[in-house]
Structure formats: C-alpha cells, structure tokens
Amino acid sequence: MSTPHTPTTHPVRTFARPVDRRSPMPAWAQVHRDLRRQIDQELPAGCQLPTERDLSEIYGVSRITIRQALGGLAADGYVERRQGSGTFVADRPGPVQHDFGLSTPWRDRFTAAGQDARSIHLRDEPAVPEPYELSRLLTPEETAAKRVHLKRLHVVDQRAIGITDSWVVRALVPRLSRRTLIDGSVSRTLQEVYDLTPTTSNNYLEVGAATSHEAELLHATLDAPLFVVWTVSHLSDGRLLETTRTVWLGSRVRFHYTG
C-alpha cells in the first residue's frame, strides 16, 4: 500500500536585505520580489512554502503584508494557494522565446513553434498621445504629423505576454480607426489594405516596469519587469509610417539571438 506524498517545505531563507521601510517599493512588493527570485532560481514545482505566520517572522512584516505578496505571486502563476493545505510552487509553463529578429512578425515565430499566438485589438481603449521617448526620435515635421493610435494585447497559449501601442500617420491610412484589423495585426492591415510596407525600422530595447493599466491587462503585479521595445518605421521614400511601443512581460518572455 503506497503512502501519500508529502510535499517538501522549503526553508525560505531570511531576507538578505531586510525590508527597507524607506524604500518607495511597498513592503509586500519587496517580499514578493524576494520570493519570486527564490522560486525562479531555487524552488522546484510542488514545493510547499512556509506558513503565513512563519513568513511573517522571516521577513519581519505583518501577515496582511505576506498575504498581499502571496496573492501577487498567485496572480503571476508562481504559486498555488490550496485551502486548508498551504501555498505551493506552481508548475509554471516556461517563458515563450522571442527572437531578436524583430523585423519578423512575432506571431509567425510562435505559430511556427506550434503555439497559439494571437493579437487582440483593444478597440475600446482611449487614444493616448505618442510618448516623449518616441517623439524625440523624430524630426519636428514628423512629430507634427497627426496620428491614429491603436492598441493590441498579445496572447500566447491563452497567457497575455505583451501589449503594443502604435501611432500611424493619419494621412496615409484613411478610416483606419474604423477598420477591424486583419488578425489583430497593424502590419498586415497596412500591407493588405493600404499597400504600405516599411523598408526601415529602427528598434530600441530597454527594461521598464508596468504601469497600473498595463499590469491589469497583463494580469501581472505593478512591479512586474518589462522588456520595452520602441520602434520607428519609414517607407522607401523616407516618409514616416508608424511608431510603436511594445512591452513584453519579463516573467513570460525571454529573448534569443545567435552570435
């Protein structure tokens, strides 16, 4: 007769740097960050975390703070909270791999790998102006051109992984704001409806943090790390076509390149 499997309880180590009460990052977010690091680097799936009371003593914070941190980890898919049993490290799917060949449509790469990749046009989102980080990459004439703003949510295997905001030069795309994007893709719509294909695209990659609205759309926490890609695209005659800001959720996407 087999005996029931008893999950291993990991001895979560005392926070190497005590929760900094002067930090702008709330205490729950500091605990969330440390536990997430340990799960990423040390804890196997199925491992049981210490109780809320024990974690409260380890980190020197209240149990309410611990509950907030664990709630954030659960929302990110890092842990499973089982009523009456405790909190366990979740068996998370691995991050999706994004090739650094940024000129290739990202959906094509994921679809080729057998994954269900979709872009959802968020038509009800309010139009927002192009951010300064993009406009400073343009000439004054390009900055002055009126734009159409479009927002899409990127999903792979039913998990939100990224968001793209696009600003397309309005004079080139009459009635674009009223159209349904082909497969949720701005590039396909520009090519197939307007016969517009950029010949040059300059991409800039940096690290950022999610805004409250981005965190809500991505089902992530406020301090979720993001890869931010800024893109400026021009037509063959040198005219500006589109600028974009794409954010990829760091916990669900990794980048790949061949040296």
Protein backbone atom coordinates (compact mmCIF):
# COMPACT_ATOMS: atom_id res chain seq x y z
CA MET A 1 0.00 0.00 0.00
CA SER A 2 1.53 3.32 -1.08
CA THR A 3 1.82 6.24 1.30
CA PRO A 4 0.60 9.71 0.35
CA HIS A 5 3.26 12.05 -1.00
CA THR A 6 4.25 14.73 1.48
CA PRO A 7 5.37 17.94 -0.22
CA THR A 8 8.75 19.30 0.73
CA THR A 9 8.64 22.54 2.70
CA HIS A 10 11.45 24.79 1.56
CA PRO A 11 13.31 26.64 4.30
CA VAL A 12 12.91 30.11 2.79
CA ARG A 13 15.99 31.97 3.84
CA THR A 14 15.92 35.14 5.87
CA PHE A 15 15.76 38.14 3.57
CA ALA A 16 19.41 39.09 2.97
CA ARG A 17 18.44 42.75 2.89
CA PRO A 18 15.72 43.49 5.47
CA VAL A 19 12.56 45.13 4.18
CA ASP A 20 13.54 48.74 3.68
CA ARG A 21 10.88 50.92 5.27
CA ARG A 22 12.29 53.97 3.48
CA SER A 23 12.01 52.41 0.04
CA PRO A 24 9.27 53.66 -2.33
CA MET A 25 8.59 49.97 -3.03
CA PRO A 26 5.96 48.75 -0.54
CA ALA A 27 6.89 46.01 1.92
CA TRP A 28 4.63 43.45 0.24
CA ALA A 29 6.34 44.11 -3.12
CA GLN A 30 9.79 43.60 -1.57
CA VAL A 31 8.67 40.25 -0.12
CA HIS A 32 7.02 39.36 -3.44
CA ARG A 33 10.27 40.16 -5.29
CA ASP A 34 12.42 38.04 -2.98
CA LEU A 35 10.09 35.04 -3.03
CA ARG A 36 9.80 35.27 -6.82
CA ARG A 37 13.60 35.26 -7.12
CA GLN A 38 13.85 32.18 -4.92
CA ILE A 39 11.16 30.40 -6.93
CA ASP A 40 12.92 31.29 -10.19
CA GLN A 41 16.33 30.15 -9.00
CA GLU A 42 15.91 27.52 -6.30
CA LEU A 43 12.45 26.12 -5.61
CA PRO A 44 11.03 23.20 -7.63
CA ALA A 45 7.39 22.90 -8.65
CA GLY A 46 5.27 21.33 -5.90
CA CYS A 47 7.47 22.66 -3.11
CA GLN A 48 5.41 23.93 -0.17
CA LEU A 49 6.22 27.37 1.18
CA PRO A 50 6.28 28.10 4.91
CA THR A 51 3.05 29.24 6.55
CA GLU A 52 1.96 32.86 6.54
CA ARG A 53 2.94 33.09 10.20
CA ASP A 54 6.43 31.73 9.51
CA LEU A 55 6.92 34.02 6.53
CA SER A 56 5.76 36.94 8.63
CA GLU A 57 8.51 36.16 11.17
CA ILE A 58 11.14 35.57 8.46
CA TYR A 59 10.52 38.91 6.77
CA GLY A 60 9.54 40.89 9.85
CA VAL A 61 6.24 42.08 8.42
CA SER A 62 2.56 41.56 9.15
CA ARG A 63 0.57 38.58 7.88
CA ILE A 64 -1.55 41.00 5.83
CA THR A 65 1.63 42.02 4.01
CA ILE A 66 2.50 38.34 3.43
CA ARG A 67 -0.99 37.69 2.05
CA GLN A 68 -0.54 40.57 -0.42
CA ALA A 69 2.78 39.17 -1.58
CA LEU A 70 1.42 35.64 -1.96
CA GLY A 71 -1.66 36.98 -3.75
CA GLY A 72 0.60 38.70 -6.27
CA LEU A 73 2.62 35.52 -6.78
CA ALA A 74 -0.59 33.57 -7.33
CA ALA A 75 -1.81 36.13 -9.88
CA ASP A 76 1.53 35.78 -11.73
CA GLY A 77 1.20 31.99 -11.75
CA TYR A 78 4.18 31.43 -9.44
CA VAL A 79 2.27 29.72 -6.62
CA GLU A 80 -0.95 27.85 -5.96
CA ARG A 81 -2.84 28.54 -2.74
CA ARG A 82 -4.79 25.47 -1.60
CA GLN A 83 -7.46 25.96 1.01
CA GLY A 84 -6.53 24.10 4.18
CA SER A 85 -3.22 22.83 2.75
CA GLY A 86 -0.97 25.83 2.22
CA THR A 87 0.92 27.56 -0.58
CA PHE A 88 2.84 25.56 -3.20
CA VAL A 89 5.22 26.48 -6.01
CA ALA A 90 3.22 26.17 -9.23
CA ASP A 91 4.27 24.07 -12.19
CA ARG A 92 4.57 27.05 -14.49
CA PRO A 93 4.92 26.81 -18.24
CA GLY A 94 8.29 28.00 -19.47
CA PRO A 95 8.67 31.50 -20.93
CA VAL A 96 7.94 31.93 -24.61
CA GLN A 97 11.04 32.66 -26.66
CA HIS A 98 11.15 35.82 -28.74
CA ASP A 99 13.83 36.01 -31.42
CA PHE A 100 15.82 39.22 -31.72
CA GLY A 101 14.90 39.30 -35.42
CA LEU A 102 12.38 41.97 -34.53
CA SER A 103 11.50 42.66 -38.18
CA THR A 104 9.80 39.26 -38.41
CA PRO A 105 6.18 39.25 -37.13
CA TRP A 106 6.27 37.79 -33.65
CA ARG A 107 3.13 35.68 -34.23
CA ASP A 108 4.80 33.88 -37.13
CA ARG A 109 7.65 32.75 -34.91
CA PHE A 110 5.39 31.44 -32.17
CA THR A 111 2.96 29.80 -34.59
CA ALA A 112 5.85 28.04 -36.32
CA ALA A 113 6.78 26.60 -32.92
CA GLY A 114 3.28 25.15 -32.55
CA GLN A 115 1.94 27.74 -30.13
CA ASP A 116 -1.40 29.54 -30.31
CA ALA A 117 -0.37 33.16 -30.83
CA ARG A 118 -2.92 35.98 -31.24
CA SER A 119 -3.17 39.75 -31.10
CA ILE A 120 -6.39 41.26 -29.77
CA HIS A 121 -7.30 44.76 -30.96
CA LEU A 122 -8.41 46.71 -27.87
CA ARG A 123 -10.86 48.93 -29.69
CA ASP A 124 -12.40 50.44 -26.54
CA GLU A 125 -9.09 51.77 -25.22
CA PRO A 126 -8.90 55.58 -25.23
CA ALA A 127 -6.47 57.18 -27.67
CA VAL A 128 -3.26 58.33 -26.00
CA PRO A 129 -0.56 60.61 -27.40
CA GLU A 130 2.77 59.31 -28.57
CA PRO A 131 5.18 59.24 -25.59
CA TYR A 132 8.14 61.57 -25.43
CA GLU A 133 10.59 58.65 -25.71
CA LEU A 134 9.32 58.10 -29.27
CA SER A 135 8.73 61.68 -30.37
CA ARG A 136 12.31 62.65 -29.51
CA LEU A 137 13.48 60.13 -32.15
CA LEU A 138 11.61 62.05 -34.88
CA THR A 139 12.17 65.24 -36.84
CA PRO A 140 9.97 68.24 -35.96
CA GLU A 141 7.97 67.69 -39.18
CA GLU A 142 7.37 64.03 -38.30
CA THR A 143 6.35 64.92 -34.77
CA ALA A 144 3.79 67.41 -36.11
CA ALA A 145 2.05 64.83 -38.33
CA LYS A 146 -1.33 63.70 -36.97
CA ARG A 147 -1.53 60.05 -35.89
CA VAL A 148 -4.00 57.23 -35.43
CA HIS A 149 -3.50 55.36 -32.14
CA LEU A 150 -4.10 51.59 -31.96
CA LYS A 151 -3.60 49.21 -29.03
CA ARG A 152 -3.27 45.42 -29.10
CA LEU A 153 -2.89 42.74 -26.43
CA HIS A 154 -0.63 39.81 -27.37
CA VAL A 155 -1.57 36.35 -26.11
CA VAL A 156 0.25 33.02 -26.44
CA ASP A 157 -1.45 29.81 -25.34
CA GLN A 158 -4.09 31.86 -23.50
CA ARG A 159 -1.48 33.81 -21.49
CA ALA A 160 -1.09 37.55 -22.00
CA ILE A 161 2.56 38.26 -22.76
CA GLY A 162 2.68 41.77 -24.20
CA ILE A 163 1.00 44.97 -25.36
CA THR A 164 1.68 47.14 -28.39
CA ASP A 165 0.67 50.77 -28.87
CA SER A 166 1.02 52.08 -32.43
CA TRP A 167 0.84 55.60 -33.81
CA VAL A 168 0.30 55.55 -37.59
CA VAL A 169 0.47 58.71 -39.74
CA ARG A 170 -3.19 59.55 -40.33
CA ALA A 171 -2.77 60.95 -43.86
CA LEU A 172 -1.52 57.56 -45.08
CA VAL A 173 -4.35 55.45 -43.64
CA PRO A 174 -7.82 56.97 -44.17
CA ARG A 175 -10.51 55.42 -41.96
CA LEU A 176 -8.02 53.08 -40.27
CA SER A 177 -9.52 53.80 -36.85
CA ARG A 178 -12.86 52.44 -38.08
CA ARG A 179 -11.47 49.22 -39.55
CA THR A 180 -11.17 45.80 -38.00
CA LEU A 181 -7.50 44.87 -38.04
CA ILE A 182 -6.64 41.74 -40.02
CA ASP A 183 -5.85 39.08 -37.38
CA GLY A 184 -5.37 41.93 -34.93
CA SER A 185 -2.25 42.94 -36.86
CA VAL A 186 -1.44 46.52 -37.81
CA SER A 187 1.37 45.45 -40.16
CA ARG A 188 -0.87 43.06 -42.11
CA THR A 189 -3.62 45.65 -42.33
CA LEU A 190 -1.22 48.32 -43.56
CA GLN A 191 0.17 45.95 -46.18
CA GLU A 192 -3.04 44.32 -47.43
CA VAL A 193 -5.44 47.26 -47.19
CA TYR A 194 -3.18 50.26 -47.81
CA ASP A 195 -0.25 48.65 -49.67
CA LEU A 196 2.15 50.15 -47.12
CA THR A 197 5.24 48.24 -46.03
CA PRO A 198 8.08 49.86 -44.10
CA THR A 199 11.55 49.43 -45.57
CA THR A 200 13.44 50.60 -42.50
CA SER A 201 12.60 50.03 -38.84
CA ASN A 202 14.82 51.20 -36.02
CA ASN A 203 14.30 49.29 -32.78
CA TYR A 204 15.42 50.28 -29.29
CA LEU A 205 15.25 47.80 -26.40
CA GLU A 206 15.25 48.74 -22.72
CA VAL A 207 13.94 47.48 -19.39
CA GLY A 208 10.94 49.09 -17.68
CA ALA A 209 8.17 48.48 -15.17
CA ALA A 210 4.45 48.02 -15.79
CA THR A 211 2.01 50.86 -15.27
CA SER A 212 -1.13 50.07 -13.30
CA HIS A 213 -3.16 49.71 -16.51
CA GLU A 214 -0.55 47.51 -18.20
CA ALA A 215 -0.38 45.31 -15.09
CA GLU A 216 -4.17 44.95 -15.21
CA LEU A 217 -4.18 43.98 -18.91
CA LEU A 218 -1.31 41.51 -18.44
CA HIS A 219 -2.68 40.06 -15.17
CA ALA A 220 0.62 40.96 -13.53
CA THR A 221 1.78 42.91 -10.50
CA LEU A 222 2.63 46.61 -10.52
CA ASP A 223 6.36 45.98 -10.21
CA ALA A 224 6.39 43.38 -12.98
CA PRO A 225 9.58 43.75 -15.08
CA LEU A 226 9.04 44.52 -18.75
CA PHE A 227 11.12 44.50 -21.90
CA VAL A 228 10.21 47.72 -23.71
CA VAL A 229 10.79 47.96 -27.47
CA TRP A 230 10.50 51.36 -29.18
CA THR A 231 10.23 51.22 -32.99
CA VAL A 232 10.26 53.91 -35.68
CA SER A 233 9.34 52.76 -39.21
CA HIS A 234 9.74 54.60 -42.51
CA LEU A 235 8.65 53.96 -46.10
CA SER A 236 11.08 53.58 -49.02
CA ASP A 237 10.72 57.29 -49.88
CA GLY A 238 11.76 58.29 -46.36
CA ARG A 239 8.30 59.21 -45.09
CA LEU A 240 7.39 58.24 -41.54
CA LEU A 241 4.81 55.45 -41.42
CA GLU A 242 4.49 54.33 -37.81
CA THR A 243 5.96 54.46 -34.33
CA THR A 244 5.30 51.76 -31.74
CA ARG A 245 5.87 50.96 -28.11
CA THR A 246 5.72 47.25 -27.30
CA VAL A 247 6.07 45.83 -23.80
CA TRP A 248 6.81 42.15 -23.17
CA LEU A 249 6.25 40.70 -19.70
CA GLY A 250 9.65 39.66 -18.39
CA SER A 251 8.34 36.67 -16.43
CA ARG A 252 6.71 35.18 -19.56
CA VAL A 253 9.05 36.16 -22.41
CA ARG A 254 12.75 35.65 -23.00
CA PHE A 255 14.75 36.98 -25.93
CA HIS A 256 17.05 34.93 -28.14
CA TYR A 257 19.78 35.87 -30.56
CA THR A 258 22.52 34.00 -32.39
CA GLY A 259 26.03 35.36 -32.06
